[in-house]
Amino acid sequence: MTYFVSGCYIHGLNNTETAALTKSIVKHGSKLDFGNKLVVDKHCIGGVPGNRTTLIVVPIVTAAGLLMPKTSSRAITSPAGTADTMEVLANVTVDAPKLQKIAGKIGGFMTWGGGVDLAAADDHMIRVRHPLSLDPEGMLLASIMAKKHSVGAKRCLIDIPIGPQVKITSLKHAKHLKDRFIKIGKMLGMKVKVVFSDGSQPIGDGIGPLLEAQDVMKVLRNEPDAPQDLKEKALYMAGLLLEMGGKAIMGFGYRKAKKILKSGMALQQMERIIEAQGKKRMPPNARLVYQVKTGKDGKITHIDNKILSKLARVAGAPLDPAGGLLLKKKLDDKVKKGETLFEIHSNNEDRMRLAKEISQKERAYIIK
């Protein structure tokens, strides 16, 4: 297995080889079969803290009558994966037969991919790749496409964030990946749409499972203090999926998604999904909160995603769901000396002490 992964890294995989690897991964695992029904899916390449759009997109899209069975990953190097955030609200380890039933009844779910035998061969390869820090492009593509293929997705939306501190740093690389996603999708009988998004700062206010889940529920409940950047991005993505799935006229998907969210239908749908998967009691907020304040007046010109992710992990995320950061300011905001930029949340005094030290040494925000 290690020789195979290394070989793929050294020599690369062309599109035909990547499609063949995808099919093999899917063949050697469980599959969900929805017959002739149209299944839609989405995936984000990652690297942006927060950015929990899936938990808003799935309720909107399934409320409109589309099938969206969503398997997601846990955090590998980030403060939270979609599955970690969803686990604050509901059980995410559900077997394939039960998932098939939930999707048939409600139209969708959000579970941890590793808890189901879907594209299981991929997990074996990931276990080899991570200690060696090898991420062959062909394998990355096969890994993503296998998860979509195993749930029978026919329409797939891929989000590639671009920014100085995310996985994809240039538009040139993003365009290259877009081209490959579309071609491999075609070989698998899947229509793929790729969008580029802003990866220059976190999306949403919370970083860490509990704080991200609170953001998501605020958006779904249409609360006035819901993070607008998370809401807008989720509506944009949901709108595109509604258009791709034939539930909205081209150019009118965003409007329809907004209507579904505003009416409360998306919240009702989320509650149905949570109940079906097994509702959990949300943990309390962290005991310890430390405010990181600015030492001068000015305007925020840069936010360091990597430092914020590191701080959230040091504070305890994702193992402690309540650990993480709550952002109070974003790019281009004007600040006055002594204002809070973000809060560190932790349940562990040693972790909090270390997070405080790092926040004083490494500047996550640049103010000019």
Protein backbone atom coordinates (compact mmCIF):
# COMPACT_ATOMS: atom_id res chain seq x y z
CA MET A 1 0.00 0.00 0.00
CA THR A 2 2.82 2.41 0.91
CA TYR A 3 4.66 1.62 -2.34
CA PHE A 4 1.45 2.29 -4.27
CA VAL A 5 0.83 5.64 -2.54
CA SER A 6 4.49 6.65 -3.06
CA GLY A 7 4.33 5.61 -6.73
CA CYS A 8 1.22 7.75 -7.25
CA TYR A 9 3.03 10.66 -5.58
CA ILE A 10 6.22 10.32 -7.68
CA HIS A 11 4.63 9.63 -11.07
CA GLY A 12 1.19 11.23 -10.66
CA LEU A 13 -2.12 9.87 -11.97
CA ASN A 14 -3.69 11.01 -15.23
CA ASN A 15 -7.47 11.47 -15.51
CA THR A 16 -8.13 7.93 -16.79
CA GLU A 17 -6.09 6.41 -13.95
CA THR A 18 -7.79 8.67 -11.39
CA ALA A 19 -11.27 7.65 -12.66
CA ALA A 20 -10.22 3.95 -12.55
CA LEU A 21 -8.93 4.34 -8.96
CA THR A 22 -12.20 6.07 -7.98
CA LYS A 23 -14.28 3.20 -9.40
CA SER A 24 -12.11 0.61 -7.60
CA ILE A 25 -12.45 2.42 -4.25
CA VAL A 26 -16.24 2.53 -4.63
CA LYS A 27 -16.45 -1.11 -5.79
CA HIS A 28 -14.76 -2.36 -2.60
CA GLY A 29 -17.16 -0.83 -0.10
CA SER A 30 -20.84 -0.29 0.66
CA LYS A 31 -22.91 1.79 -1.75
CA LEU A 32 -26.18 3.63 -1.35
CA ASP A 33 -28.61 3.04 -4.18
CA PHE A 34 -31.42 5.48 -4.90
CA GLY A 35 -32.40 4.01 -8.25
CA ASN A 36 -33.19 6.64 -10.87
CA LYS A 37 -33.59 9.47 -8.36
CA LEU A 38 -31.33 12.47 -8.86
CA VAL A 39 -28.73 12.73 -6.07
CA VAL A 40 -26.81 15.98 -5.50
CA ASP A 41 -23.67 16.52 -3.41
CA LYS A 42 -21.10 19.17 -2.54
CA HIS A 43 -17.53 19.22 -1.33
CA CYS A 44 -15.10 21.89 -0.16
CA ILE A 45 -11.36 21.35 -0.65
CA GLY A 46 -10.92 22.91 2.82
CA GLY A 47 -8.36 25.05 4.56
CA VAL A 48 -10.72 27.83 5.69
CA PRO A 49 -11.53 27.86 9.44
CA GLY A 50 -15.26 27.78 10.21
CA ASN A 51 -16.92 27.66 6.77
CA ARG A 52 -19.63 25.27 7.95
CA THR A 53 -21.89 25.74 4.90
CA THR A 54 -22.84 22.05 4.50
CA LEU A 55 -24.99 22.09 7.67
CA ILE A 56 -27.08 24.88 6.13
CA VAL A 57 -26.99 23.74 2.48
CA VAL A 58 -28.29 20.17 3.12
CA PRO A 59 -31.47 21.31 4.99
CA ILE A 60 -32.26 23.94 2.29
CA VAL A 61 -31.67 21.61 -0.67
CA THR A 62 -33.56 18.64 0.83
CA ALA A 63 -36.44 20.91 1.89
CA ALA A 64 -36.79 21.74 -1.84
CA GLY A 65 -37.22 18.03 -2.61
CA LEU A 66 -33.73 17.05 -3.77
CA LEU A 67 -31.82 14.02 -2.45
CA MET A 68 -28.60 14.97 -0.67
CA PRO A 69 -27.01 12.11 1.31
CA LYS A 70 -23.89 13.80 2.76
CA THR A 71 -20.93 11.99 4.23
CA SER A 72 -18.25 14.24 5.69
CA SER A 73 -14.86 13.95 7.29
CA ARG A 74 -13.62 14.64 10.77
CA ALA A 75 -10.83 17.15 11.39
CA ILE A 76 -7.40 15.95 10.28
CA THR A 77 -5.33 19.10 10.73
CA SER A 78 -8.16 21.64 11.27
CA PRO A 79 -10.00 22.62 14.50
CA ALA A 80 -13.19 20.90 13.27
CA GLY A 81 -14.49 18.87 10.35
CA THR A 82 -18.14 18.94 9.24
CA ALA A 83 -18.69 15.62 11.05
CA ASP A 84 -17.24 17.02 14.32
CA THR A 85 -19.58 20.02 14.19
CA MET A 86 -22.64 17.91 13.31
CA GLU A 87 -21.76 15.54 16.18
CA VAL A 88 -22.51 18.35 18.65
CA LEU A 89 -26.14 18.20 17.42
CA ALA A 90 -26.65 14.56 16.39
CA ASN A 91 -25.13 11.11 16.15
CA VAL A 92 -22.86 10.92 13.07
CA THR A 93 -21.94 7.21 13.17
CA VAL A 94 -24.85 5.54 11.36
CA ASP A 95 -24.72 2.33 9.30
CA ALA A 96 -25.50 2.23 5.56
CA PRO A 97 -28.96 0.51 5.76
CA LYS A 98 -30.18 3.11 8.29
CA LEU A 99 -28.75 5.95 6.17
CA GLN A 100 -30.59 4.58 3.13
CA LYS A 101 -33.84 4.68 5.17
CA ILE A 102 -33.21 8.21 6.51
CA ALA A 103 -32.48 9.55 3.01
CA GLY A 104 -35.57 7.80 1.62
CA LYS A 105 -37.78 9.36 4.29
CA ILE A 106 -36.24 12.85 4.76
CA GLY A 107 -34.14 13.33 1.62
CA GLY A 108 -30.75 13.63 3.25
CA PHE A 109 -28.40 13.26 6.20
CA MET A 110 -24.99 14.47 7.42
CA THR A 111 -22.78 11.74 8.83
CA TRP A 112 -19.15 10.83 9.30
CA GLY A 113 -17.85 9.00 6.23
CA GLY A 114 -15.46 6.91 8.33
CA GLY A 115 -18.35 5.51 10.33
CA VAL A 116 -19.88 3.88 7.25
CA ASP A 117 -18.23 1.38 4.92
CA LEU A 118 -18.57 3.82 1.99
CA ALA A 119 -15.34 4.17 -0.01
CA ALA A 120 -13.53 2.33 2.81
CA ALA A 121 -10.40 1.62 0.72
CA ASP A 122 -9.83 5.37 0.68
CA ASP A 123 -9.52 5.41 4.50
CA HIS A 124 -6.74 2.78 4.28
CA MET A 125 -4.83 4.96 1.81
CA ILE A 126 -5.36 8.06 3.97
CA ARG A 127 -3.80 6.18 6.91
CA VAL A 128 -0.68 5.66 4.77
CA ARG A 129 -0.65 9.17 3.31
CA HIS A 130 -0.86 11.20 6.52
CA PRO A 131 2.21 10.02 8.46
CA LEU A 132 4.25 10.45 5.27
CA SER A 133 2.65 13.85 4.54
CA LEU A 134 1.97 12.70 0.96
CA ASP A 135 -1.03 14.15 -0.82
CA PRO A 136 -0.79 13.02 -4.48
CA GLU A 137 -3.19 15.13 -6.55
CA GLY A 138 -4.70 12.11 -8.30
CA MET A 139 -5.43 10.49 -4.94
CA LEU A 140 -6.96 13.67 -3.55
CA LEU A 141 -9.30 13.78 -6.57
CA ALA A 142 -10.11 10.04 -6.36
CA SER A 143 -10.77 10.35 -2.62
CA ILE A 144 -13.29 13.18 -3.11
CA MET A 145 -14.98 11.67 -6.18
CA ALA A 146 -15.23 8.18 -4.62
CA LYS A 147 -17.23 9.57 -1.69
CA LYS A 148 -19.63 11.27 -4.13
CA HIS A 149 -19.84 8.23 -6.41
CA SER A 150 -20.57 5.86 -3.48
CA VAL A 151 -23.78 7.74 -2.62
CA GLY A 152 -24.85 7.79 -6.28
CA ALA A 153 -24.35 11.53 -6.85
CA LYS A 154 -25.12 12.69 -10.38
CA ARG A 155 -24.66 16.42 -9.76
CA CYS A 156 -21.76 17.67 -7.68
CA LEU A 157 -20.67 21.13 -6.59
CA ILE A 158 -16.99 21.59 -5.66
CA ASP A 159 -15.88 24.64 -3.67
CA ILE A 160 -12.21 25.62 -4.04
CA PRO A 161 -11.24 28.39 -1.60
CA ILE A 162 -8.26 30.46 -2.79
CA GLY A 163 -6.08 32.43 -0.40
CA PRO A 164 -2.55 32.92 0.90
CA GLN A 165 -2.97 30.36 3.71
CA VAL A 166 -5.33 27.73 2.36
CA LYS A 167 -4.54 24.60 0.34
CA ILE A 168 -4.91 26.36 -3.03
CA THR A 169 -2.96 29.62 -3.13
CA SER A 170 -3.19 30.59 -6.81
CA LEU A 171 -5.93 30.98 -9.41
CA LYS A 172 -3.77 29.03 -11.89
CA HIS A 173 -3.70 25.94 -9.62
CA ALA A 174 -7.45 26.32 -8.92
CA LYS A 175 -8.23 26.37 -12.67
CA HIS A 176 -6.07 23.27 -13.21
CA LEU A 177 -7.98 21.39 -10.46
CA LYS A 178 -11.34 22.62 -11.81
CA ASP A 179 -10.51 21.18 -15.24
CA ARG A 180 -9.56 17.80 -13.74
CA PHE A 181 -12.68 17.61 -11.51
CA ILE A 182 -14.97 18.25 -14.49
CA LYS A 183 -13.22 15.70 -16.76
CA ILE A 184 -13.08 12.95 -14.10
CA GLY A 185 -16.71 13.65 -13.17
CA LYS A 186 -17.69 13.11 -16.83
CA MET A 187 -15.86 9.74 -16.86
CA LEU A 188 -17.90 8.72 -13.80
CA GLY A 189 -21.22 9.91 -15.25
CA MET A 190 -21.33 12.90 -12.92
CA LYS A 191 -21.98 16.53 -13.82
CA VAL A 192 -19.52 18.62 -11.79
CA LYS A 193 -19.61 22.38 -11.24
CA VAL A 194 -16.60 24.05 -9.62
CA VAL A 195 -16.70 27.44 -7.86
CA PHE A 196 -13.82 29.48 -6.50
CA SER A 197 -14.36 31.21 -3.16
CA ASP A 198 -12.50 33.65 -0.92
CA GLY A 199 -10.14 31.85 1.45
CA SER A 200 -8.50 34.96 2.90
CA GLN A 201 -10.26 34.75 6.27
CA PRO A 202 -12.51 32.43 8.34
CA ILE A 203 -16.18 32.10 7.38
CA GLY A 204 -18.57 32.48 10.32
CA ASP A 205 -17.75 33.65 13.86
CA GLY A 206 -16.95 30.35 15.58
CA ILE A 207 -13.93 28.06 15.11
CA GLY A 208 -14.38 24.71 16.86
CA PRO A 209 -17.29 22.18 16.90
CA LEU A 210 -19.68 23.79 19.43
CA LEU A 211 -19.10 27.41 18.35
CA GLU A 212 -19.55 26.45 14.68
CA ALA A 213 -22.76 24.52 15.48
CA GLN A 214 -24.09 27.61 17.28
CA ASP A 215 -23.35 29.70 14.16
CA VAL A 216 -25.23 27.19 11.96
CA MET A 217 -28.31 27.14 14.22
CA LYS A 218 -28.37 30.96 14.35
CA VAL A 219 -28.46 31.07 10.53
CA LEU A 220 -31.17 28.38 10.33
CA ARG A 221 -33.25 30.18 12.99
CA ASN A 222 -32.88 33.48 11.10
CA GLU A 223 -31.47 35.15 14.23
CA PRO A 224 -30.35 38.79 13.73
CA ASP A 225 -26.82 38.14 15.08
CA ALA A 226 -26.23 35.15 12.75
CA PRO A 227 -22.90 35.46 10.86
CA GLN A 228 -23.81 37.04 7.53
CA ASP A 229 -20.76 35.74 5.62
CA LEU A 230 -21.66 32.13 6.49
CA LYS A 231 -25.32 32.72 5.63
CA GLU A 232 -24.53 34.33 2.25
CA LYS A 233 -22.04 31.66 1.19
CA ALA A 234 -24.45 28.85 2.17
CA LEU A 235 -27.31 30.50 0.23
CA TYR A 236 -25.05 30.89 -2.84
CA MET A 237 -24.02 27.21 -2.72
CA ALA A 238 -27.57 25.98 -2.04
CA GLY A 239 -28.85 28.15 -4.90
CA LEU A 240 -26.39 26.59 -7.35
CA LEU A 241 -27.40 23.06 -6.26
CA LEU A 242 -31.11 23.92 -6.66
CA GLU A 243 -30.35 25.07 -10.23
CA MET A 244 -28.23 21.97 -10.97
CA GLY A 245 -30.97 19.71 -9.59
CA GLY A 246 -33.70 21.38 -11.64
CA LYS A 247 -35.53 22.86 -8.64
CA ALA A 248 -34.84 26.46 -9.67
CA ILE A 249 -34.50 28.32 -12.98
CA MET A 250 -30.91 29.26 -13.84
CA GLY A 251 -30.06 32.50 -12.07
CA PHE A 252 -32.92 32.18 -9.55
CA GLY A 253 -31.48 29.52 -7.23
CA TYR A 254 -30.19 31.98 -4.64
CA ARG A 255 -33.62 33.60 -4.41
CA LYS A 256 -35.32 30.24 -3.89
CA ALA A 257 -32.75 29.17 -1.27
CA LYS A 258 -33.28 32.45 0.61
CA LYS A 259 -37.06 31.94 0.56
CA ILE A 260 -36.70 28.38 1.99
CA LEU A 261 -34.39 29.64 4.76
CA LYS A 262 -36.57 32.63 5.62
CA SER A 263 -39.78 30.56 5.76
CA GLY A 264 -38.36 28.28 8.47
CA MET A 265 -38.54 25.20 6.21
CA ALA A 266 -34.76 24.70 6.38
CA LEU A 267 -34.83 24.77 10.21
CA GLN A 268 -37.69 22.21 10.26
CA GLN A 269 -35.72 20.00 7.88
CA MET A 270 -32.57 20.26 10.04
CA GLU A 271 -34.62 19.23 13.09
CA ARG A 272 -35.97 16.20 11.21
CA ILE A 273 -32.45 15.15 10.16
CA ILE A 274 -31.15 15.55 13.74
CA GLU A 275 -34.03 13.45 15.15
CA ALA A 276 -33.56 10.72 12.51
CA GLN A 277 -29.81 10.42 13.17
CA GLY A 278 -30.25 10.58 16.96
CA LYS A 279 -30.44 13.96 18.70
CA LYS A 280 -27.71 14.94 21.15
CA ARG A 281 -27.79 17.44 23.98
CA MET A 282 -25.49 20.33 23.08
CA PRO A 283 -22.58 20.67 25.54
CA PRO A 284 -22.30 23.87 27.59
CA ASN A 285 -19.96 26.67 26.52
CA ALA A 286 -16.35 26.47 27.72
CA ARG A 287 -15.64 27.48 31.33
CA LEU A 288 -12.64 29.64 30.48
CA VAL A 289 -12.82 32.62 28.12
CA TYR A 290 -9.90 34.94 27.31
CA GLN A 291 -10.31 38.07 25.21
CA VAL A 292 -7.52 38.97 22.77
CA LYS A 293 -7.58 42.75 22.38
CA THR A 294 -5.99 45.18 19.94
CA GLY A 295 -3.21 47.48 21.13
CA LYS A 296 -3.92 50.27 18.64
CA ASP A 297 -6.52 52.04 16.48
CA GLY A 298 -6.70 51.17 12.80
CA LYS A 299 -8.16 48.87 10.15
CA ILE A 300 -7.75 45.07 9.93
CA THR A 301 -5.73 44.41 6.76
CA HIS A 302 -4.83 40.73 7.22
CA ILE A 303 -6.07 37.70 9.18
CA ASP A 304 -3.81 34.67 9.57
CA ASN A 305 -5.94 31.51 9.13
CA LYS A 306 -3.10 29.23 10.21
CA ILE A 307 -2.49 30.99 13.53
CA LEU A 308 -6.24 31.02 14.30
CA SER A 309 -6.53 27.28 13.50
CA LYS A 310 -3.50 26.55 15.67
CA LEU A 311 -4.94 28.58 18.58
CA ALA A 312 -8.31 26.79 18.32
CA ARG A 313 -6.59 23.38 18.39
CA VAL A 314 -4.38 24.40 21.34
CA ALA A 315 -7.55 25.53 23.17
CA GLY A 316 -8.92 21.98 22.80
CA ALA A 317 -10.80 21.71 19.48
CA PRO A 318 -11.95 19.30 18.14
CA LEU A 319 -11.54 16.76 21.01
CA ASP A 320 -13.14 19.22 23.43
CA PRO A 321 -16.18 20.35 21.39
CA ALA A 322 -16.46 23.62 23.38
CA GLY A 323 -12.81 24.55 22.79
CA GLY A 324 -11.97 27.05 20.06
CA LEU A 325 -12.26 30.69 19.09
CA LEU A 326 -15.09 33.19 18.75
CA LEU A 327 -14.20 35.97 16.30
CA LYS A 328 -15.44 39.48 17.01
CA LYS A 329 -13.77 41.28 14.07
CA LYS A 330 -13.19 40.51 10.38
CA LEU A 331 -11.14 41.90 7.46
CA ASP A 332 -11.56 45.63 6.73
CA ASP A 333 -13.24 46.27 10.11
CA LYS A 334 -12.12 49.47 11.86
CA VAL A 335 -10.98 48.93 15.45
CA LYS A 336 -10.14 51.12 18.43
CA LYS A 337 -7.39 50.39 20.96
CA GLY A 338 -8.63 47.94 23.63
CA GLU A 339 -11.37 46.39 21.46
CA THR A 340 -11.72 42.59 21.43
CA LEU A 341 -10.55 40.93 18.21
CA PHE A 342 -11.47 37.37 19.25
CA GLU A 343 -12.10 35.18 22.30
CA ILE A 344 -10.28 31.97 23.19
CA HIS A 345 -12.60 29.33 24.70
CA SER A 346 -11.24 26.36 26.67
CA ASN A 347 -12.12 23.94 29.46
CA ASN A 348 -8.50 23.22 30.36
CA GLU A 349 -6.30 25.67 32.30
CA ASP A 350 -2.99 24.41 30.85
CA ARG A 351 -4.35 24.62 27.32
CA MET A 352 -5.70 28.12 27.97
CA ARG A 353 -2.34 29.26 29.36
CA LEU A 354 -0.53 27.98 26.27
CA ALA A 355 -3.12 29.53 23.89
CA LYS A 356 -2.71 32.90 25.67
CA GLU A 357 1.09 32.71 25.26
CA ILE A 358 0.79 31.91 21.53
CA SER A 359 -1.76 34.72 20.99
CA GLN A 360 0.71 37.21 22.51
CA LYS A 361 3.70 35.96 20.47
CA GLU A 362 2.05 35.29 17.09
CA ARG A 363 -0.14 37.99 15.58
CA ALA A 364 -3.25 36.53 14.01
CA TYR A 365 -4.51 40.01 13.03
CA ILE A 366 -2.55 42.77 11.28
CA ILE A 367 -3.91 46.26 11.92
CA LYS A 368 -2.74 49.30 9.99
